[in-house]
């Protein structure tokens, strides 16, 4: 049985938004990360949204991107978005089911050119086998392909189609999907999926109207499904990411009105589940139909293609004349003080309550000094102070000495939006740090 881990707690911190330019709170949206940027598209607030945003974790700034033109998507909810070699691939989420096999609900965004592009080529125009519009499906990148499972299709209900999109040819192939395919998860939507070392791992979701807690593995070598050990309770509307040699699964609920705040970890090595503990004073939010994305080297697996830095997000105007939460190029250096000497008083709720607003703001902005040494914080959070010391050099990034900034970002997991959401308020953003 899965249990509570006391050895690897995690720290939750809500990200304060420092600019008036930011997306509104939402749910059933899509997000993914590429280099030092997080992209957020669509979703629902009071109604379905048609907006597209980029958040740069280095400058701590939001930028609204274009979402207009013939190549851009319409209002979307329950869609998916993945990144691969300088492009974002968005599928599904349309408000109706007018898209047939003659037209595919797929959109492509060129990150370097910062615009939506027509993806149809000669081969795809001749292809008749394509997935139709759907919501609540999963999409992961495995090698040079996007693998997409399930989803809810209007008038047809929950699907068990398993599709592959080859990024090189932009051609679709159906891996499985007939009702005779009894070996596998079956019809599913509002589930989660991640990729790891040639396999896809799928958890929970809705099978028709019934919540599930089953866990499945698809192996690309023999293209077959196998059932794995059960872990978390029944969940739908949750999210999952790959972290090191494990899968992190957060939030969701058994019903729409019962969001949870549990963070689970499945080890691909030991094939065991644990529910991660949280540090005192660290209170994760109850969320459902949110998005999670990871940044930093620990969230980069062999299933994710190397990001070539065509758009590092480091515009010169953002690099000069203003304070940044942490320097642009960061790498760990050995600690020169015992970890036991580091005081965690900044996380004590009583201490926080007794500090003035100006003191709190200063503590968020400033670098922390311990035993005469300045310790860089990650996204204005003090949590890195008791984990690692970070040495940073901004000039090396400016000179372009390293094209892949993700290798020098601190490991962090971001949780964006989700229900319950606050109307007319900026998007809810939380950062999670795992203490391994």
Protein backbone atom coordinates (compact mmCIF):
# COMPACT_ATOMS: atom_id res chain seq x y z
CA UNK A 1 0.00 0.00 0.00
CA UNK A 2 1.23 3.51 -0.71
CA UNK A 3 2.22 5.49 2.35
CA UNK A 4 3.27 8.88 3.52
CA UNK A 5 6.93 9.68 2.98
CA UNK A 6 8.56 11.60 5.81
CA UNK A 7 12.07 11.49 4.30
CA UNK A 8 11.39 13.54 1.17
CA UNK A 9 9.13 16.44 2.08
CA UNK A 10 8.25 19.20 -0.34
CA UNK A 11 7.90 22.94 0.02
CA UNK A 12 4.97 24.87 -1.47
CA UNK A 13 5.05 28.61 -2.10
CA UNK A 14 2.52 30.78 -3.92
CA UNK A 15 4.06 32.98 -6.59
CA UNK A 16 3.22 36.66 -6.14
CA UNK A 17 2.40 38.35 -9.45
CA UNK A 18 4.35 41.61 -9.68
CA UNK A 19 2.89 42.97 -12.90
CA UNK A 20 -0.58 44.06 -13.92
CA UNK A 21 -0.03 42.28 -17.23
CA UNK A 22 -0.86 38.65 -16.49
CA UNK A 23 -3.49 36.08 -17.50
CA UNK A 24 -6.70 35.76 -15.52
CA UNK A 25 -7.33 32.71 -13.36
CA UNK A 26 -8.71 29.72 -15.28
CA UNK A 27 -9.20 25.97 -15.47
CA UNK A 28 -9.24 23.31 -18.20
CA UNK A 29 -6.42 25.20 -19.90
CA UNK A 30 -3.17 23.80 -21.32
CA UNK A 31 0.43 24.62 -20.48
CA UNK A 32 3.94 23.39 -21.20
CA UNK A 33 7.49 24.63 -20.72
CA UNK A 34 10.27 25.24 -23.21
CA UNK A 35 13.68 26.56 -22.15
CA UNK A 36 13.02 29.17 -19.45
CA UNK A 37 9.46 29.89 -20.57
CA UNK A 38 6.07 28.50 -19.61
CA UNK A 39 3.26 28.77 -22.16
CA UNK A 40 -0.43 28.92 -21.16
CA UNK A 41 -3.27 28.68 -23.67
CA UNK A 42 -7.05 29.07 -23.33
CA UNK A 43 -9.24 27.36 -20.77
CA UNK A 44 -12.32 28.63 -18.96
CA UNK A 45 -13.05 31.50 -16.62
CA UNK A 46 -16.68 32.63 -16.87
CA UNK A 47 -16.61 31.48 -20.47
CA UNK A 48 -14.17 29.82 -22.82
CA UNK A 49 -11.01 31.89 -23.36
CA UNK A 50 -9.00 32.65 -26.46
CA UNK A 51 -5.73 34.01 -25.13
CA UNK A 52 -2.12 32.85 -25.19
CA UNK A 53 0.59 33.76 -22.67
CA UNK A 54 4.29 33.25 -22.03
CA UNK A 55 5.81 33.37 -18.54
CA UNK A 56 9.59 33.81 -18.30
CA UNK A 57 10.88 32.39 -15.02
CA UNK A 58 14.18 34.28 -15.24
CA UNK A 59 12.65 37.75 -15.55
CA UNK A 60 9.48 36.80 -13.62
CA UNK A 61 7.34 38.43 -16.33
CA UNK A 62 4.27 37.53 -18.37
CA UNK A 63 3.93 38.39 -22.06
CA UNK A 64 0.70 38.04 -24.03
CA UNK A 65 1.26 36.38 -27.40
CA UNK A 66 -0.86 36.53 -30.50
CA UNK A 67 -3.77 34.15 -30.84
CA UNK A 68 -5.33 35.46 -34.03
CA UNK A 69 -5.16 34.66 -37.70
CA UNK A 70 -6.11 31.68 -39.83
CA UNK A 71 -3.43 29.45 -38.36
CA UNK A 72 -4.31 30.24 -34.71
CA UNK A 73 -6.77 28.19 -32.61
CA UNK A 74 -10.18 29.40 -31.53
CA UNK A 75 -11.49 29.35 -27.97
CA UNK A 76 -10.36 26.08 -26.42
CA UNK A 77 -10.90 24.09 -23.23
CA UNK A 78 -9.79 20.60 -22.28
CA UNK A 79 -7.08 20.68 -24.98
CA UNK A 80 -3.45 19.55 -24.85
CA UNK A 81 -0.17 21.30 -25.63
CA UNK A 82 3.35 19.83 -25.94
CA UNK A 83 6.72 21.26 -26.99
CA UNK A 84 9.22 19.73 -29.40
CA UNK A 85 12.31 21.28 -31.06
CA UNK A 86 11.14 24.88 -31.16
CA UNK A 87 7.45 24.28 -31.80
CA UNK A 88 4.33 23.96 -29.64
CA UNK A 89 1.67 21.46 -30.73
CA UNK A 90 -1.91 22.05 -29.57
CA UNK A 91 -4.70 19.56 -30.09
CA UNK A 92 -8.45 19.48 -29.45
CA UNK A 93 -10.55 21.52 -27.05
CA UNK A 94 -12.97 23.07 -29.55
CA UNK A 95 -16.47 23.90 -28.35
CA UNK A 96 -18.16 21.77 -30.98
CA UNK A 97 -17.47 18.57 -32.92
CA UNK A 98 -17.66 19.96 -36.43
CA UNK A 99 -14.13 18.79 -37.20
CA UNK A 100 -14.15 15.52 -39.09
CA UNK A 101 -11.40 13.29 -40.48
CA UNK A 102 -11.03 15.80 -43.31
CA UNK A 103 -9.80 18.47 -40.92
CA UNK A 104 -7.77 17.92 -37.80
CA UNK A 105 -8.04 20.09 -34.68
CA UNK A 106 -4.27 20.62 -34.53
CA UNK A 107 -2.40 23.92 -34.30
CA UNK A 108 1.34 24.62 -34.38
CA UNK A 109 3.17 27.60 -32.86
CA UNK A 110 6.67 28.54 -34.01
CA UNK A 111 8.51 29.64 -30.86
CA UNK A 112 11.38 31.41 -32.65
CA UNK A 113 9.07 33.40 -34.94
CA UNK A 114 6.46 33.83 -32.18
CA UNK A 115 3.55 33.05 -34.49
CA UNK A 116 1.10 30.31 -35.40
CA UNK A 117 1.97 28.48 -38.61
CA UNK A 118 0.14 26.28 -41.09
CA UNK A 119 1.19 22.71 -40.44
CA UNK A 120 -0.49 20.92 -43.35
CA UNK A 121 1.99 19.44 -45.80
CA UNK A 122 1.57 17.34 -48.90
CA UNK A 123 1.48 14.10 -46.97
CA UNK A 124 -0.99 15.28 -44.38
CA UNK A 125 -3.33 16.71 -47.02
CA UNK A 126 -3.55 13.27 -48.62
CA UNK A 127 -4.02 11.51 -45.32
CA UNK A 128 -7.55 10.46 -44.42
CA UNK A 129 -6.86 8.87 -41.04
CA UNK A 130 -6.77 11.62 -38.42
CA UNK A 131 -8.19 12.06 -34.93
CA UNK A 132 -11.29 14.19 -34.47
CA UNK A 133 -11.72 17.01 -31.98
CA UNK A 134 -11.90 15.92 -28.34
CA UNK A 135 -11.44 17.19 -24.77
CA UNK A 136 -9.79 15.82 -21.67
CA UNK A 137 -7.33 13.62 -23.57
CA UNK A 138 -3.64 13.25 -22.76
CA UNK A 139 -0.65 14.05 -24.97
CA UNK A 140 3.03 13.28 -24.37
CA UNK A 141 6.22 13.50 -26.43
CA UNK A 142 8.03 10.23 -27.01
CA UNK A 143 11.07 10.51 -29.25
CA UNK A 144 9.98 12.42 -32.35
CA UNK A 145 6.26 11.76 -31.93
CA UNK A 146 3.30 13.00 -29.92
CA UNK A 147 1.24 10.18 -28.41
CA UNK A 148 -2.35 11.08 -27.61
CA UNK A 149 -4.81 8.91 -25.65
CA UNK A 150 -8.56 8.99 -25.16
CA UNK A 151 -10.63 12.11 -24.61
CA UNK A 152 -14.32 12.96 -24.69
CA UNK A 153 -15.84 13.31 -28.16
CA UNK A 154 -19.19 15.08 -28.49
CA UNK A 155 -22.04 12.72 -29.43
CA UNK A 156 -19.72 9.71 -29.13
CA UNK A 157 -18.70 9.90 -25.49
CA UNK A 158 -15.40 8.78 -24.02
CA UNK A 159 -12.82 7.47 -26.48
CA UNK A 160 -10.09 4.87 -26.17
CA UNK A 161 -8.28 5.92 -29.35
CA UNK A 162 -4.50 5.95 -29.07
CA UNK A 163 -2.91 8.12 -31.76
CA UNK A 164 0.65 8.94 -32.78
CA UNK A 165 1.69 12.12 -34.63
CA UNK A 166 5.10 11.90 -36.31
CA UNK A 167 6.69 15.35 -36.01
CA UNK A 168 9.00 14.71 -38.97
CA UNK A 169 6.25 13.89 -41.47
CA UNK A 170 3.25 15.40 -39.65
CA UNK A 171 1.38 12.19 -40.32
CA UNK A 172 -1.01 10.44 -37.92
CA UNK A 173 -1.26 6.74 -37.18
CA UNK A 174 -3.77 4.92 -34.99
CA UNK A 175 -1.95 2.69 -32.49
CA UNK A 176 -5.16 1.24 -31.05
CA UNK A 177 -8.75 2.28 -30.63
CA UNK A 178 -11.25 -0.34 -31.72
CA UNK A 179 -13.75 -1.68 -29.25
CA UNK A 180 -12.08 -5.07 -29.65
CA UNK A 181 -8.92 -3.69 -28.02
CA UNK A 182 -9.71 -5.00 -24.55
CA UNK A 183 -6.13 -4.97 -23.26
CA UNK A 184 -5.49 -1.47 -22.01
CA UNK A 185 -7.05 1.44 -20.13
CA UNK A 186 -10.18 1.46 -22.27
CA UNK A 187 -12.28 4.60 -22.80
CA UNK A 188 -10.79 7.41 -20.74
CA UNK A 189 -10.80 11.20 -20.28
CA UNK A 190 -9.68 13.67 -17.59
CA UNK A 191 -6.77 11.32 -16.84
CA UNK A 192 -3.02 11.99 -16.76
CA UNK A 193 -0.09 10.58 -18.71
CA UNK A 194 3.70 10.96 -18.77
CA UNK A 195 6.51 9.54 -20.91
CA UNK A 196 9.63 7.84 -19.59
CA UNK A 197 12.30 5.79 -21.40
CA UNK A 198 10.19 4.62 -24.32
CA UNK A 199 7.03 4.08 -22.28
CA UNK A 200 3.81 5.95 -21.54
CA UNK A 201 2.34 5.82 -18.03
CA UNK A 202 -1.37 6.60 -17.65
CA UNK A 203 -3.32 7.06 -14.42
CA UNK A 204 -6.96 7.38 -13.41
CA UNK A 205 -9.50 9.68 -15.02
CA UNK A 206 -13.07 9.00 -16.03
CA UNK A 207 -14.19 5.83 -17.75
CA UNK A 208 -17.53 7.02 -18.99
CA UNK A 209 -18.99 8.56 -15.82
CA UNK A 210 -16.98 6.48 -13.37
CA UNK A 211 -13.81 7.69 -11.69
CA UNK A 212 -10.81 5.37 -11.89
CA UNK A 213 -7.60 4.70 -9.96
CA UNK A 214 -5.99 2.19 -12.30
CA UNK A 215 -2.44 2.65 -13.55
CA UNK A 216 -1.17 1.54 -16.96
CA UNK A 217 2.10 1.31 -18.88
CA UNK A 218 2.45 1.28 -22.66
CA UNK A 219 5.75 -0.03 -24.01
CA UNK A 220 6.80 1.33 -27.40
CA UNK A 221 9.07 -1.63 -28.09
CA UNK A 222 6.22 -4.15 -28.29
CA UNK A 223 3.34 -1.62 -28.45
CA UNK A 224 1.42 -3.29 -25.66
CA UNK A 225 -0.29 -2.21 -22.43
CA UNK A 226 0.31 -3.68 -19.00
CA UNK A 227 -1.47 -2.99 -15.71
CA UNK A 228 0.63 -1.63 -12.83
CA UNK A 229 0.23 -1.39 -9.06
CA UNK A 230 -2.57 0.85 -7.81
CA UNK A 231 -1.52 3.95 -5.91
CA UNK A 232 -3.54 7.12 -5.25
CA UNK A 233 -7.32 6.97 -4.75
CA UNK A 234 -9.78 7.56 -7.58
CA UNK A 235 -8.91 10.82 -9.31
CA UNK A 236 -9.97 12.88 -12.31
CA UNK A 237 -8.86 16.34 -13.39
CA UNK A 238 -5.38 15.83 -11.90
CA UNK A 239 -2.00 16.40 -13.57
CA UNK A 240 1.31 14.57 -13.79
CA UNK A 241 4.92 15.23 -14.84
CA UNK A 242 8.12 13.19 -15.08
CA UNK A 243 10.73 14.04 -12.44
CA UNK A 244 14.10 12.26 -12.42
CA UNK A 245 13.25 8.52 -12.37
CA UNK A 246 9.72 9.04 -11.12
CA UNK A 247 6.27 10.39 -11.89
CA UNK A 248 4.76 13.22 -9.86
CA UNK A 249 0.97 13.39 -9.68
CA UNK A 250 -0.89 16.30 -8.10
CA UNK A 251 -4.44 17.33 -7.26
CA UNK A 252 -7.64 16.30 -8.95
CA UNK A 253 -10.55 14.76 -7.13
CA UNK A 254 -13.08 11.99 -7.14
CA UNK A 255 -15.75 14.50 -8.18
CA UNK A 256 -15.76 17.98 -9.71
CA UNK A 257 -16.59 19.48 -6.31
CA UNK A 258 -13.93 17.68 -4.26
CA UNK A 259 -10.48 18.97 -5.30
CA UNK A 260 -7.49 17.50 -3.45
CA UNK A 261 -4.03 18.84 -2.64
CA UNK A 262 -2.09 15.58 -2.42
CA UNK A 263 1.24 15.19 -4.21
CA UNK A 264 2.11 11.59 -5.09
CA UNK A 265 5.34 10.12 -6.42
CA UNK A 266 5.73 6.88 -8.33
CA UNK A 267 9.24 5.46 -8.69
CA UNK A 268 9.88 3.84 -12.06
CA UNK A 269 12.83 2.01 -10.47
CA UNK A 270 11.18 0.50 -7.38
CA UNK A 271 7.64 0.53 -8.85
CA UNK A 272 6.21 1.95 -5.63
CA UNK A 273 3.93 4.88 -4.77
CA UNK A 274 4.39 7.33 -1.88
CA UNK A 275 2.41 10.38 -0.88
CA UNK A 276 4.86 13.21 -0.27
CA UNK A 277 4.78 15.12 2.98
CA UNK A 278 4.88 18.92 3.11
CA UNK A 279 7.11 21.07 5.28
CA UNK A 280 5.49 22.84 8.27
CA UNK A 281 3.80 26.03 7.18
CA UNK A 282 3.74 24.82 3.59
CA UNK A 283 0.12 24.50 2.51
CA UNK A 284 -0.58 23.24 -1.02
CA UNK A 285 -3.83 24.38 -2.66
CA UNK A 286 -6.82 22.17 -3.41
CA UNK A 287 -6.94 22.09 -7.22
CA UNK A 288 -8.72 20.28 -10.04
CA UNK A 289 -8.48 20.84 -13.82
CA UNK A 290 -5.20 22.73 -13.30
CA UNK A 291 -1.88 22.41 -15.14
CA UNK A 292 1.57 21.35 -13.95
CA UNK A 293 4.88 21.83 -15.67
CA UNK A 294 8.46 21.26 -14.55
CA UNK A 295 11.60 23.26 -15.27
CA UNK A 296 15.24 22.44 -14.63
CA UNK A 297 17.43 19.43 -15.47
CA UNK A 298 15.54 16.98 -13.21
CA UNK A 299 12.38 17.48 -15.26
CA UNK A 300 14.18 16.74 -18.50
CA UNK A 301 14.06 13.07 -19.42
CA UNK A 302 15.29 11.00 -22.32
CA UNK A 303 11.76 11.06 -23.73
CA UNK A 304 11.97 14.83 -24.16
CA UNK A 305 14.02 16.09 -27.06
CA UNK A 306 16.85 18.51 -26.33
CA UNK A 307 15.71 22.11 -26.59
CA UNK A 308 17.80 24.04 -29.09
CA UNK A 309 17.85 27.60 -27.89
CA UNK A 310 16.13 29.34 -30.81
CA UNK A 311 14.13 31.34 -28.28
CA UNK A 312 15.77 31.50 -24.90
CA UNK A 313 13.38 34.18 -23.74
CA UNK A 314 16.30 36.33 -22.57
CA UNK A 315 15.56 39.59 -24.33
CA UNK A 316 18.23 42.24 -23.65
CA UNK A 317 15.64 44.72 -22.37
CA UNK A 318 14.80 42.28 -19.59
CA UNK A 319 18.41 41.80 -18.55
CA UNK A 320 19.39 45.35 -17.71
CA UNK A 321 18.29 47.94 -15.24
CA UNK A 322 16.09 45.80 -12.98
CA UNK A 323 16.44 43.26 -10.23
CA UNK A 324 15.80 39.63 -11.09
CA UNK A 325 14.75 36.92 -8.61
CA UNK A 326 17.82 34.86 -9.47
CA UNK A 327 20.67 35.23 -11.90
CA UNK A 328 20.22 33.78 -15.33
CA UNK A 329 22.87 31.10 -15.26
CA UNK A 330 22.86 29.10 -12.07
CA UNK A 331 24.76 26.01 -11.07
CA UNK A 332 25.16 24.28 -7.71
CA UNK A 333 28.44 24.61 -5.83
CA UNK A 334 29.43 22.69 -2.69
CA UNK A 335 28.03 23.95 0.57
CA UNK A 336 30.61 25.56 2.80
CA UNK A 337 28.53 25.41 5.94
CA UNK A 338 26.71 22.58 7.70
CA UNK A 339 23.11 22.25 6.60
CA UNK A 340 22.03 21.95 10.22
CA UNK A 341 23.13 25.56 10.81
CA UNK A 342 20.62 26.94 8.33
CA UNK A 343 17.66 28.52 10.06
CA UNK A 344 14.23 27.85 8.60
CA UNK A 345 12.57 30.71 10.44
CA UNK A 346 11.38 32.32 7.21
CA UNK A 347 8.90 29.49 6.85
CA UNK A 348 7.44 29.70 10.34
CA UNK A 349 3.81 30.92 10.11
CA UNK A 350 4.02 32.77 13.45
CA UNK A 351 7.10 34.67 12.35
CA UNK A 352 5.51 35.57 9.02
CA UNK A 353 2.40 36.85 10.77
CA UNK A 354 4.46 39.20 12.97
CA UNK A 355 6.35 40.79 10.10
CA UNK A 356 5.22 43.97 8.39
CA UNK A 357 4.27 44.00 4.72
CA UNK A 358 7.43 45.93 3.86
CA UNK A 359 9.59 43.38 5.67
CA UNK A 360 7.87 40.53 3.84
CA UNK A 361 8.43 42.23 0.50
CA UNK A 362 12.09 42.77 1.30
CA UNK A 363 12.56 39.13 2.29
CA UNK A 364 11.07 38.00 -1.02
CA UNK A 365 13.23 40.30 -3.11
CA UNK A 366 16.56 40.05 -1.37
CA UNK A 367 19.16 37.35 -1.56
CA UNK A 368 19.56 35.50 1.71
CA UNK A 369 22.77 35.86 3.68
CA UNK A 370 23.91 32.93 5.82
CA UNK A 371 27.22 33.02 7.70
CA UNK A 372 28.36 35.93 5.57
CA UNK A 373 27.55 34.22 2.26
CA UNK A 374 24.83 35.35 -0.12
CA UNK A 375 22.56 32.59 -1.30
CA UNK A 376 20.50 33.06 -4.46
CA UNK A 377 16.81 32.35 -4.15
CA UNK A 378 14.73 30.63 -6.80
CA UNK A 379 11.85 32.69 -8.15
CA UNK A 380 12.12 34.89 -5.04
CA UNK A 381 11.67 31.90 -2.78
CA UNK A 382 13.92 31.21 0.18
CA UNK A 383 13.59 27.43 -0.15
CA UNK A 384 16.84 27.03 -2.06
CA UNK A 385 18.67 28.53 0.89
CA UNK A 386 18.55 25.34 2.90
CA UNK A 387 18.97 23.04 -0.10
CA UNK A 388 21.86 24.31 -2.20
CA UNK A 389 24.10 27.28 -2.70
CA UNK A 390 23.81 28.73 -6.18
CA UNK A 391 26.58 30.52 -8.03
CA UNK A 392 25.36 32.58 -10.95
CA UNK A 393 26.85 34.39 -13.90
CA UNK A 394 24.61 36.61 -16.02
CA UNK A 395 27.34 37.58 -18.45
CA UNK A 396 27.83 34.04 -19.74
CA UNK A 397 24.21 33.88 -20.87
CA UNK A 398 24.46 37.28 -22.52
CA UNK A 399 27.51 36.08 -24.43
CA UNK A 400 25.64 32.98 -25.56
CA UNK A 401 28.12 30.49 -24.15
CA UNK A 402 25.41 27.97 -23.35
CA UNK A 403 22.34 27.59 -25.50
CA UNK A 404 20.31 25.42 -23.16
CA UNK A 405 19.35 27.50 -20.15
CA UNK A 406 17.18 24.70 -18.72
CA UNK A 407 20.36 22.94 -17.58
CA UNK A 408 21.11 25.88 -15.27
CA UNK A 409 17.67 26.53 -13.84
CA UNK A 410 16.91 25.29 -10.34
CA UNK A 411 14.49 22.36 -10.38
CA UNK A 412 10.98 23.59 -9.83
CA UNK A 413 7.45 22.39 -10.41
CA UNK A 414 4.82 25.00 -11.24
CA UNK A 415 1.08 24.54 -10.68
CA UNK A 416 -0.99 27.00 -12.70
CA UNK A 417 -4.69 27.79 -12.38
CA UNK A 418 -7.38 25.21 -11.73
CA UNK A 419 -10.65 25.11 -9.84
CA UNK A 420 -11.55 26.69 -7.56
CA UNK A 421 -10.46 29.82 -9.40
CA UNK A 422 -10.97 33.44 -8.42
CA UNK A 423 -12.90 35.57 -10.85
CA UNK A 424 -11.25 38.71 -12.23
CA UNK A 425 -8.02 37.74 -10.45
CA UNK A 426 -4.61 36.84 -11.93
CA UNK A 427 -3.86 33.20 -12.54
CA UNK A 428 -3.01 31.17 -9.45
CA UNK A 429 0.64 30.10 -9.50
CA UNK A 430 2.37 27.79 -7.03
CA UNK A 431 5.94 26.56 -6.94
CA UNK A 432 6.89 23.19 -5.49
CA UNK A 433 10.40 22.19 -4.46
CA UNK A 434 11.16 18.55 -3.67
CA UNK A 435 13.85 17.99 -1.08
CA UNK A 436 15.61 14.82 -2.19
